[in-house]
Amino acid sequence: MPIYEFKCGDCGTRFEELVSAGTDRLPCPKCGSAQTYRLISLVSSMGNGGSSCGTCVPTPEKCRGCHCPH
C-alpha cells in the first residue's frame, strides 16, 4: 500500500496515511472532519547521485539553484 498525503478542507491540517490506492478521503486526525482530499505529491528520487531535492543537478559543493546539501 502506498503512502498518500491528504489535506483537511476545514482546518487545513496536512497528514499522510498508508492506504489503498483508491482511497480519496479520510477523516482528519485533528478535527475529525470528513472534508479531506488527497493531494498530488511529488515523487522523491535519491538515485541521482544523492540529490536530496530530486530537481537539480548535483555538484561537488552543493546543488545549483536550490542550494540543497548532498
N, C-alpha and C. Protein backbone atom coordinates (compact mmCIF):
# COMPACT_ATOMS: atom_id res chain seq x y z
N MET A 1 0.84 -1.18 0.00
CA MET A 1 0.00 0.00 0.00
C MET A 1 0.88 1.24 0.00
N PRO A 2 0.51 2.24 -0.80
CA PRO A 2 1.30 3.48 -0.84
C PRO A 2 0.93 4.45 0.28
N ILE A 3 1.82 5.39 0.54
CA ILE A 3 1.56 6.47 1.48
C ILE A 3 1.07 7.65 0.68
N TYR A 4 -0.09 8.18 1.05
CA TYR A 4 -0.66 9.35 0.38
C TYR A 4 -0.74 10.51 1.35
N GLU A 5 -0.67 11.73 0.79
CA GLU A 5 -0.79 12.94 1.57
C GLU A 5 -2.19 13.50 1.39
N PHE A 6 -2.79 13.92 2.50
CA PHE A 6 -4.15 14.45 2.50
C PHE A 6 -4.15 15.84 3.13
N LYS A 7 -5.20 16.61 2.84
CA LYS A 7 -5.38 17.92 3.48
C LYS A 7 -6.83 18.07 3.88
N CYS A 8 -7.05 18.64 5.05
CA CYS A 8 -8.40 18.88 5.56
C CYS A 8 -8.91 20.21 5.02
N GLY A 9 -10.08 20.19 4.41
CA GLY A 9 -10.68 21.41 3.88
C GLY A 9 -11.23 22.32 4.97
N ASP A 10 -11.45 21.78 6.17
CA ASP A 10 -11.99 22.59 7.27
C ASP A 10 -10.90 23.28 8.09
N CYS A 11 -9.92 22.51 8.58
CA CYS A 11 -8.90 23.11 9.46
C CYS A 11 -7.54 23.30 8.79
N GLY A 12 -7.35 22.74 7.58
CA GLY A 12 -6.09 22.94 6.85
C GLY A 12 -4.98 21.98 7.22
N THR A 13 -5.24 21.04 8.13
CA THR A 13 -4.21 20.08 8.54
C THR A 13 -3.79 19.20 7.36
N ARG A 14 -2.49 19.03 7.19
CA ARG A 14 -1.95 18.09 6.20
C ARG A 14 -1.46 16.86 6.94
N PHE A 15 -1.77 15.68 6.38
CA PHE A 15 -1.35 14.44 7.03
C PHE A 15 -1.11 13.37 5.99
N GLU A 16 -0.32 12.38 6.36
CA GLU A 16 0.00 11.25 5.48
C GLU A 16 -0.57 9.98 6.08
N GLU A 17 -1.03 9.08 5.21
CA GLU A 17 -1.57 7.80 5.66
C GLU A 17 -1.17 6.71 4.67
N LEU A 18 -0.97 5.54 5.18
CA LEU A 18 -0.71 4.35 4.38
C LEU A 18 -2.08 3.74 4.07
N VAL A 19 -2.54 3.90 2.81
CA VAL A 19 -3.89 3.45 2.42
C VAL A 19 -3.86 2.79 1.05
N SER A 20 -4.94 2.11 0.70
CA SER A 20 -5.01 1.52 -0.64
C SER A 20 -5.15 2.61 -1.69
N ALA A 21 -4.74 2.30 -2.91
CA ALA A 21 -4.62 3.27 -3.99
C ALA A 21 -5.93 3.99 -4.30
N GLY A 22 -7.08 3.40 -4.08
CA GLY A 22 -8.35 4.03 -4.42
C GLY A 22 -8.90 4.97 -3.37
N THR A 23 -8.21 5.15 -2.25
CA THR A 23 -8.71 5.99 -1.16
C THR A 23 -8.52 7.46 -1.48
N ASP A 24 -9.64 8.22 -1.52
CA ASP A 24 -9.56 9.65 -1.81
C ASP A 24 -9.81 10.53 -0.60
N ARG A 25 -10.48 9.98 0.42
CA ARG A 25 -10.82 10.77 1.62
C ARG A 25 -10.62 9.93 2.88
N LEU A 26 -10.16 10.60 3.93
CA LEU A 26 -10.05 10.01 5.26
C LEU A 26 -10.49 11.06 6.26
N PRO A 27 -10.96 10.67 7.42
CA PRO A 27 -11.28 11.67 8.45
C PRO A 27 -10.00 12.40 8.89
N CYS A 28 -10.12 13.68 9.14
CA CYS A 28 -8.98 14.47 9.60
C CYS A 28 -8.59 14.01 11.00
N PRO A 29 -7.30 13.74 11.24
CA PRO A 29 -6.87 13.30 12.57
C PRO A 29 -6.93 14.41 13.62
N LYS A 30 -6.98 15.67 13.18
CA LYS A 30 -7.00 16.78 14.14
C LYS A 30 -8.43 17.18 14.53
N CYS A 31 -9.30 17.40 13.52
CA CYS A 31 -10.64 17.91 13.83
C CYS A 31 -11.75 16.88 13.57
N GLY A 32 -11.41 15.75 12.91
CA GLY A 32 -12.40 14.71 12.64
C GLY A 32 -13.27 14.96 11.43
N SER A 33 -13.05 16.05 10.72
CA SER A 33 -13.87 16.39 9.56
C SER A 33 -13.72 15.35 8.45
N ALA A 34 -14.79 15.14 7.71
CA ALA A 34 -14.75 14.25 6.54
C ALA A 34 -14.42 15.04 5.28
N GLN A 35 -14.22 16.35 5.41
CA GLN A 35 -13.93 17.21 4.27
C GLN A 35 -12.43 17.24 3.97
N THR A 36 -11.87 16.07 3.70
CA THR A 36 -10.45 15.97 3.36
C THR A 36 -10.33 15.56 1.91
N TYR A 37 -9.16 15.80 1.35
CA TYR A 37 -8.90 15.38 -0.02
C TYR A 37 -7.44 15.00 -0.17
N ARG A 38 -7.20 14.10 -1.11
CA ARG A 38 -5.84 13.61 -1.36
C ARG A 38 -5.10 14.63 -2.20
N LEU A 39 -3.86 14.91 -1.82
CA LEU A 39 -3.01 15.85 -2.55
C LEU A 39 -2.17 15.12 -3.58
N ILE A 40 -1.77 15.82 -4.60
CA ILE A 40 -0.83 15.29 -5.58
C ILE A 40 0.56 15.55 -5.02
N SER A 41 1.28 14.51 -4.71
CA SER A 41 2.62 14.65 -4.13
C SER A 41 3.68 14.42 -5.17
N LEU A 42 4.80 15.12 -5.03
CA LEU A 42 5.94 14.92 -5.91
C LEU A 42 6.67 13.65 -5.50
N VAL A 43 7.20 12.96 -6.48
CA VAL A 43 7.96 11.75 -6.21
C VAL A 43 9.39 12.15 -5.89
N SER A 44 9.91 11.61 -4.83
CA SER A 44 11.29 11.90 -4.43
C SER A 44 12.19 10.78 -4.92
N SER A 45 13.31 11.15 -5.52
CA SER A 45 14.25 10.16 -6.02
C SER A 45 15.63 10.45 -5.48
N MET A 46 16.23 9.47 -4.82
CA MET A 46 17.59 9.65 -4.32
C MET A 46 18.59 8.95 -5.23
N GLY A 47 18.15 8.53 -6.41
CA GLY A 47 19.03 7.81 -7.33
C GLY A 47 19.93 8.70 -8.17
N ASN A 48 19.79 10.01 -8.07
CA ASN A 48 20.59 10.95 -8.85
C ASN A 48 21.85 11.36 -8.11
N GLY A 49 22.68 10.41 -7.77
CA GLY A 49 23.93 10.76 -7.09
C GLY A 49 23.71 11.33 -5.71
N GLY A 50 22.57 11.05 -5.10
CA GLY A 50 22.33 11.52 -3.75
C GLY A 50 21.69 12.88 -3.66
N SER A 51 21.16 13.40 -4.76
CA SER A 51 20.50 14.69 -4.72
C SER A 51 19.32 14.62 -3.77
N SER A 52 19.24 15.54 -2.82
CA SER A 52 18.17 15.46 -1.85
C SER A 52 16.89 16.14 -2.31
N CYS A 53 16.94 16.99 -3.34
CA CYS A 53 15.71 17.64 -3.78
C CYS A 53 15.11 16.96 -5.00
N GLY A 54 15.88 16.22 -5.78
CA GLY A 54 15.36 15.50 -6.93
C GLY A 54 15.12 16.35 -8.15
N THR A 55 15.36 17.67 -8.08
CA THR A 55 15.10 18.53 -9.22
C THR A 55 16.34 19.22 -9.77
N CYS A 56 17.46 19.13 -9.08
CA CYS A 56 18.65 19.84 -9.52
C CYS A 56 19.76 18.86 -9.90
N VAL A 57 20.78 19.41 -10.51
CA VAL A 57 21.93 18.61 -10.93
C VAL A 57 22.98 18.67 -9.83
N PRO A 58 23.37 17.52 -9.27
CA PRO A 58 24.35 17.54 -8.18
C PRO A 58 25.72 18.07 -8.63
N THR A 59 26.35 18.81 -7.75
CA THR A 59 27.71 19.28 -7.95
C THR A 59 28.49 18.89 -6.70
N PRO A 60 29.82 18.91 -6.76
CA PRO A 60 30.59 18.53 -5.57
C PRO A 60 30.28 19.37 -4.34
N GLU A 61 30.03 20.67 -4.51
CA GLU A 61 29.82 21.53 -3.35
C GLU A 61 28.37 21.56 -2.88
N LYS A 62 27.43 21.74 -3.76
CA LYS A 62 26.00 21.73 -3.46
C LYS A 62 25.22 21.90 -4.75
N CYS A 63 23.93 21.73 -4.67
CA CYS A 63 23.10 21.89 -5.86
C CYS A 63 23.10 23.35 -6.29
N ARG A 64 23.03 23.56 -7.57
CA ARG A 64 22.92 24.94 -8.07
C ARG A 64 21.44 25.28 -8.22
N GLY A 65 21.05 26.44 -7.82
CA GLY A 65 19.67 26.86 -7.93
C GLY A 65 18.91 26.72 -6.63
N CYS A 66 18.80 25.51 -6.12
CA CYS A 66 18.01 25.32 -4.89
C CYS A 66 18.90 25.28 -3.65
N HIS A 67 20.18 25.04 -3.80
CA HIS A 67 21.16 25.02 -2.72
C HIS A 67 20.92 23.95 -1.66
N CYS A 68 20.31 22.82 -2.08
CA CYS A 68 20.13 21.74 -1.11
C CYS A 68 21.47 21.03 -0.89
N PRO A 69 21.74 20.58 0.33
CA PRO A 69 23.00 19.90 0.60
C PRO A 69 22.99 18.45 0.09
N HIS A 70 24.15 17.90 -0.13
CA HIS A 70 24.26 16.49 -0.54
C HIS A 70 24.88 15.72 0.58
